[in-house]
Amino acid sequence: MGVFDKVKDKAEQLIGEAKEKIGQLTGNESLENAGKRDQLSGEAKETAHDLRDKAAGAVEDARDRLDGDK
């Protein structure tokens, strides 16, 4: 995962957390729910990026093993 992607995902989670807390403090259920959605979205994106990176690493490892056999 690129550093930029990781920062964006974490920022989305932090913004969501802030929205949720502000929503709780002000009694604004809509803002609280929006914050929860932002957090979940950021976590999902982070997980997807991590899985993509692991898959790319596995492909690279397999390619290295095959190249080593030649």
Protein backbone atom coordinates (compact mmCIF):
# COMPACT_ATOMS: atom_id res chain seq x y z
CA MET A 1 0.00 0.00 0.00
CA GLY A 2 1.27 3.42 -0.80
CA VAL A 3 1.96 5.75 2.08
CA PHE A 4 -0.56 8.21 0.67
CA ASP A 5 -3.32 5.56 0.65
CA LYS A 6 -2.51 4.57 4.23
CA VAL A 7 -2.65 8.19 5.40
CA LYS A 8 -5.98 8.76 3.62
CA ASP A 9 -7.51 5.64 5.19
CA LYS A 10 -6.33 6.59 8.69
CA ALA A 11 -7.50 10.19 8.22
CA GLU A 12 -10.95 8.99 7.22
CA GLN A 13 -11.09 6.85 10.35
CA LEU A 14 -9.96 9.72 12.60
CA ILE A 15 -12.42 12.16 11.05
CA GLY A 16 -15.16 9.59 11.52
CA GLU A 17 -14.21 9.13 15.15
CA ALA A 18 -14.33 12.90 15.70
CA LYS A 19 -17.73 13.16 14.01
CA GLU A 20 -19.07 10.33 16.13
CA LYS A 21 -17.88 11.93 19.37
CA ILE A 22 -19.21 15.37 18.41
CA GLY A 23 -22.52 13.77 17.47
CA GLN A 24 -22.67 12.04 20.86
CA LEU A 25 -21.83 15.24 22.74
CA THR A 26 -24.38 17.34 20.88
CA GLY A 27 -27.08 14.69 20.66
CA ASN A 28 -26.88 14.78 16.86
CA GLU A 29 -27.62 11.19 15.91
CA SER A 30 -27.16 11.87 12.20
CA LEU A 31 -23.62 13.19 12.73
CA GLU A 32 -22.84 10.29 15.06
CA ASN A 33 -23.98 7.79 12.43
CA ALA A 34 -22.03 9.58 9.71
CA GLY A 35 -18.93 9.27 11.87
CA LYS A 36 -19.47 5.56 12.33
CA ARG A 37 -19.88 5.16 8.55
CA ASP A 38 -16.66 7.07 7.91
CA GLN A 39 -14.77 4.89 10.37
CA LEU A 40 -16.06 1.69 8.80
CA SER A 41 -15.31 2.96 5.32
CA GLY A 42 -11.73 3.84 6.27
CA GLU A 43 -11.23 0.45 7.92
CA ALA A 44 -12.64 -1.38 4.88
CA LYS A 45 -10.36 0.53 2.51
CA GLU A 46 -7.36 -0.15 4.72
CA THR A 47 -8.18 -3.86 4.79
CA ALA A 48 -8.61 -3.94 1.02
CA HIS A 49 -5.26 -2.22 0.51
CA ASP A 50 -3.59 -4.66 2.91
CA LEU A 51 -5.07 -7.67 1.07
CA ARG A 52 -3.99 -6.25 -2.28
CA ASP A 53 -0.44 -5.79 -0.98
CA LYS A 54 -0.33 -9.32 0.44
CA ALA A 55 -1.54 -10.76 -2.87
CA ALA A 56 1.06 -8.77 -4.77
CA GLY A 57 3.73 -10.01 -2.36
CA ALA A 58 2.63 -13.61 -2.84
CA VAL A 59 2.79 -13.24 -6.61
CA GLU A 60 6.25 -11.69 -6.36
CA ASP A 61 7.44 -14.53 -4.09
CA ALA A 62 6.12 -17.14 -6.52
CA ARG A 63 7.77 -15.35 -9.43
CA ASP A 64 11.08 -15.24 -7.54
CA ARG A 65 10.88 -18.97 -6.79
CA LEU A 66 10.15 -19.78 -10.43
CA ASP A 67 12.99 -17.55 -11.62
CA GLY A 68 15.33 -19.24 -9.16
CA ASP A 69 14.61 -22.64 -10.69
CA LYS A 70 15.92 -21.58 -14.10
